[in-house]
Amino acid sequence: MRDDRDKRFSSALRQLVQGEFGMQPLSVDELAKLSQHYSLLCAWNQRINLTRITEPEESARMHYAESLFGKAFVGDSKKVLDIGSGAGFPGVPLAVVCPALRVTALEVNQKKSLFLKETKDALHLSNFYVSTARVEDFPIEDHDLLASRALDRSGQLLPAVIDRMVSGQSAMLYTTAQVLEALIARLPHHYVVEAHPIPSSDTRLIAMIRR
């Protein structure tokens, strides 16, 4: 049962990356690591609530392919802060396919942080770090790019993050047009905003906000 689930996930992710999302094919090692993360996620999700989405094909699309889509907007960034990382999205997929990128997963929940630390060890991700802290208490200015998929808390979380951005810093937000519209309404004029629709989605997009 588990083997069948993992095979379905790997097959779905490989096809999504090369097909609908139009990205470079994953290497054998990259696909193996992402599949291992998925397997860990499913096992841990039986004990703690990491995600409601665990079905192989849906997880491959919503969690992994969408996270990987963000690679196109990383640019010259060297250090990424994944705010409210949860189960590791987009941080883990980005760390897997961008080995030169230093990715820090910021997660205040202790149990989720333990999962992320086990992920780091199991996948041997030397460029992936975990910090258990509130974003309000964390030095976000040390990172080139701030990333977040924490949609359930975006209304409270994102404005506080945007307000603390420093000159030259960017934010990559996996969000919806409705949330982005509310954010834009309160942004000062010196912020630049771009919206990039996520393939095969009518509602989700990646918003790039630069100061």
Protein backbone atom coordinates (compact mmCIF):
# COMPACT_ATOMS: atom_id res chain seq x y z
CA MET A 1 0.00 0.00 0.00
CA ARG A 2 2.74 2.44 1.01
CA ASP A 3 4.93 1.43 -1.95
CA ASP A 4 2.03 2.00 -4.34
CA ARG A 5 1.34 5.42 -2.79
CA ASP A 6 4.97 6.49 -3.11
CA LYS A 7 5.19 5.26 -6.72
CA ARG A 8 2.06 7.22 -7.61
CA PHE A 9 3.54 10.32 -6.00
CA SER A 10 6.87 10.03 -7.84
CA SER A 11 5.18 9.43 -11.17
CA ALA A 12 2.77 12.35 -10.69
CA LEU A 13 5.49 14.78 -9.64
CA ARG A 14 7.79 13.83 -12.52
CA GLN A 15 4.99 14.35 -15.05
CA LEU A 16 3.81 17.63 -13.51
CA VAL A 17 7.28 19.16 -13.46
CA GLN A 18 7.99 18.35 -17.10
CA GLY A 19 4.42 18.80 -18.34
CA GLU A 20 2.00 21.36 -16.94
CA PHE A 21 4.63 23.34 -15.02
CA GLY A 22 7.16 23.40 -17.89
CA MET A 23 10.22 23.06 -15.68
CA GLN A 24 13.50 21.23 -16.11
CA PRO A 25 13.18 17.50 -15.36
CA LEU A 26 14.11 16.44 -11.85
CA SER A 27 17.28 14.40 -11.50
CA VAL A 28 17.07 10.89 -10.08
CA ASP A 29 18.52 12.14 -6.78
CA GLU A 30 16.16 15.13 -6.57
CA LEU A 31 13.10 12.98 -7.22
CA ALA A 32 14.28 10.43 -4.66
CA LYS A 33 14.73 13.10 -1.97
CA LEU A 34 11.36 14.71 -2.63
CA SER A 35 9.70 11.27 -2.56
CA GLN A 36 11.45 10.55 0.75
CA HIS A 37 10.14 13.82 2.17
CA TYR A 38 6.63 12.90 1.03
CA SER A 39 6.91 9.50 2.70
CA LEU A 40 8.10 11.12 5.95
CA LEU A 41 5.29 13.65 5.76
CA CYS A 42 2.66 10.92 5.44
CA ALA A 43 4.12 8.98 8.38
CA TRP A 44 4.33 12.02 10.66
CA ASN A 45 0.91 13.26 9.58
CA GLN A 46 -0.64 10.31 11.39
CA ARG A 47 0.69 11.74 14.67
CA ILE A 48 0.58 15.50 14.15
CA ASN A 49 -1.40 17.69 11.77
CA LEU A 50 1.14 18.71 9.14
CA THR A 51 -1.27 18.93 6.21
CA ARG A 52 -4.74 17.91 5.11
CA ILE A 53 -3.39 17.06 1.65
CA THR A 54 -1.67 13.68 1.53
CA GLU A 55 -3.23 11.97 -1.51
CA PRO A 56 -0.29 11.30 -3.90
CA GLU A 57 -1.38 13.18 -7.02
CA GLU A 58 -2.86 16.15 -5.16
CA SER A 59 0.16 16.42 -2.88
CA ALA A 60 2.53 16.25 -5.85
CA ARG A 61 0.72 19.18 -7.45
CA MET A 62 -0.28 21.41 -4.53
CA HIS A 63 2.75 21.02 -2.30
CA TYR A 64 5.71 19.98 -4.41
CA ALA A 65 5.21 21.20 -7.99
CA GLU A 66 3.92 24.58 -6.79
CA SER A 67 6.87 24.93 -4.40
CA LEU A 68 9.30 24.05 -7.19
CA PHE A 69 7.65 26.62 -9.46
CA GLY A 70 9.12 29.26 -7.15
CA LYS A 71 12.64 28.36 -8.32
CA ALA A 72 12.06 30.57 -11.36
CA PHE A 73 11.83 33.63 -9.10
CA VAL A 74 14.72 32.98 -6.73
CA GLY A 75 17.08 34.87 -9.04
CA ASP A 76 20.43 35.78 -7.50
CA SER A 77 19.29 35.22 -3.92
CA LYS A 78 21.76 33.38 -1.69
CA LYS A 79 19.72 33.09 1.51
CA VAL A 80 16.01 32.28 1.68
CA LEU A 81 13.82 32.41 4.76
CA ASP A 82 10.76 30.13 4.57
CA ILE A 83 8.33 31.79 6.99
CA GLY A 84 5.77 29.52 8.63
CA SER A 85 7.33 26.52 6.89
CA GLY A 86 5.00 23.93 8.44
CA ALA A 87 5.68 20.66 6.62
CA GLY A 88 8.53 22.28 4.69
CA PHE A 89 6.93 24.14 1.77
CA PRO A 90 8.39 25.75 -0.21
CA GLY A 91 11.67 25.40 1.71
CA VAL A 92 12.41 21.69 1.34
CA PRO A 93 11.75 21.42 -2.42
CA LEU A 94 13.76 24.60 -3.05
CA ALA A 95 16.67 23.31 -0.94
CA VAL A 96 16.63 20.02 -2.87
CA VAL A 97 16.79 21.58 -6.36
CA CYS A 98 18.95 24.61 -5.43
CA PRO A 99 21.93 23.16 -3.50
CA ALA A 100 23.81 26.49 -3.58
CA LEU A 101 20.90 28.21 -1.83
CA ARG A 102 20.89 28.49 1.97
CA VAL A 103 17.31 27.83 3.06
CA THR A 104 16.14 28.48 6.61
CA ALA A 105 12.75 27.09 7.64
CA LEU A 106 11.17 29.30 10.30
CA GLU A 107 8.51 27.41 12.26
CA VAL A 108 7.23 28.34 15.70
CA ASN A 109 5.45 25.02 16.34
CA GLN A 110 7.80 22.67 18.22
CA LYS A 111 6.45 19.43 16.75
CA LYS A 112 6.57 20.73 13.19
CA SER A 113 10.11 21.94 13.82
CA LEU A 114 11.08 18.43 14.93
CA PHE A 115 9.66 17.08 11.68
CA LEU A 116 11.70 19.61 9.69
CA LYS A 117 14.86 18.68 11.58
CA GLU A 118 14.28 14.99 10.88
CA THR A 119 13.74 15.89 7.22
CA LYS A 120 17.09 17.69 7.13
CA ASP A 121 18.87 14.64 8.58
CA ALA A 122 17.02 12.03 6.51
CA LEU A 123 17.56 13.86 3.21
CA HIS A 124 21.13 14.97 4.09
CA LEU A 125 20.27 18.57 3.23
CA SER A 126 23.39 20.47 4.23
CA ASN A 127 21.91 23.73 2.88
CA PHE A 128 18.69 23.46 4.91
CA TYR A 129 18.36 24.89 8.42
CA VAL A 130 15.52 24.98 10.93
CA SER A 131 14.76 27.74 13.42
CA THR A 132 11.99 27.43 16.00
CA ALA A 133 10.93 31.02 16.54
CA ARG A 134 8.23 33.59 15.89
CA VAL A 135 8.82 35.74 12.83
CA GLU A 136 8.36 38.83 15.02
CA ASP A 137 11.47 37.79 17.00
CA PHE A 138 13.59 36.68 14.04
CA PRO A 139 16.14 38.84 12.13
CA ILE A 140 14.53 38.60 8.69
CA GLU A 141 16.82 41.31 7.32
CA ASP A 142 19.66 38.76 7.11
CA HIS A 143 17.98 37.05 4.14
CA ASP A 144 17.79 38.10 0.48
CA LEU A 145 14.44 36.45 -0.13
CA LEU A 146 11.49 35.91 2.20
CA ALA A 147 9.16 33.09 1.14
CA SER A 148 5.84 31.93 2.57
CA ARG A 149 2.99 29.56 1.76
CA ALA A 150 1.25 30.02 5.12
CA LEU A 151 -2.06 30.95 3.53
CA ASP A 152 -4.14 30.17 6.61
CA ARG A 153 -2.36 32.94 8.52
CA SER A 154 -1.48 35.26 5.65
CA GLY A 155 -3.83 38.04 6.71
CA GLN A 156 -2.01 38.44 10.03
CA LEU A 157 1.47 37.24 9.07
CA LEU A 158 2.27 38.92 5.78
CA PRO A 159 1.64 42.60 6.62
CA ALA A 160 4.01 42.38 9.59
CA VAL A 161 6.67 40.77 7.39
CA ILE A 162 6.28 43.28 4.55
CA ASP A 163 6.58 46.21 6.95
CA ARG A 164 9.99 44.94 8.13
CA MET A 165 11.54 44.42 4.70
CA VAL A 166 14.74 46.35 4.04
CA SER A 167 15.93 47.98 0.83
CA GLY A 168 16.95 45.42 -1.80
CA GLN A 169 15.03 42.59 -0.13
CA SER A 170 12.31 40.57 -1.89
CA ALA A 171 9.35 38.50 -0.75
CA MET A 172 7.97 35.50 -2.65
CA LEU A 173 4.44 34.83 -1.49
CA TYR A 174 2.35 31.85 -2.55
CA THR A 175 -1.06 33.42 -2.23
CA THR A 176 -4.35 34.29 -3.91
CA ALA A 177 -5.44 37.33 -5.88
CA GLN A 178 -7.78 38.35 -3.05
CA VAL A 179 -5.04 38.31 -0.40
CA LEU A 180 -2.61 40.09 -2.72
CA GLU A 181 -5.16 42.82 -3.46
CA ALA A 182 -5.53 43.50 0.26
CA LEU A 183 -1.76 43.65 0.67
CA ILE A 184 -1.26 46.01 -2.27
CA ALA A 185 -3.85 48.40 -0.85
CA ARG A 186 -1.65 49.04 2.18
CA LEU A 187 1.81 48.94 0.56
CA PRO A 188 3.86 52.15 0.34
CA HIS A 189 4.57 53.34 -3.21
CA HIS A 190 8.24 52.31 -3.15
CA TYR A 191 7.31 48.60 -3.21
CA VAL A 192 7.21 46.85 -6.59
CA VAL A 193 4.74 43.98 -7.03
CA GLU A 194 4.56 41.26 -9.69
CA ALA A 195 1.95 38.50 -9.89
CA HIS A 196 2.71 35.18 -11.57
CA PRO A 197 -0.19 32.72 -11.96
CA ILE A 198 0.57 29.18 -10.89
CA PRO A 199 0.02 26.74 -13.78
CA SER A 200 -3.35 24.96 -13.85
CA SER A 201 -4.74 27.05 -11.01
CA ASP A 202 -7.57 29.57 -11.25
CA THR A 203 -6.92 31.12 -7.84
CA ARG A 204 -3.31 30.65 -6.71
CA LEU A 205 -0.33 32.74 -7.73
CA ILE A 206 3.16 33.68 -6.71
CA ALA A 207 3.50 37.35 -5.79
CA MET A 208 6.96 38.91 -5.90
CA ILE A 209 7.22 41.99 -3.73
CA ARG A 210 10.43 44.02 -3.88
CA ARG A 211 11.53 46.95 -1.84
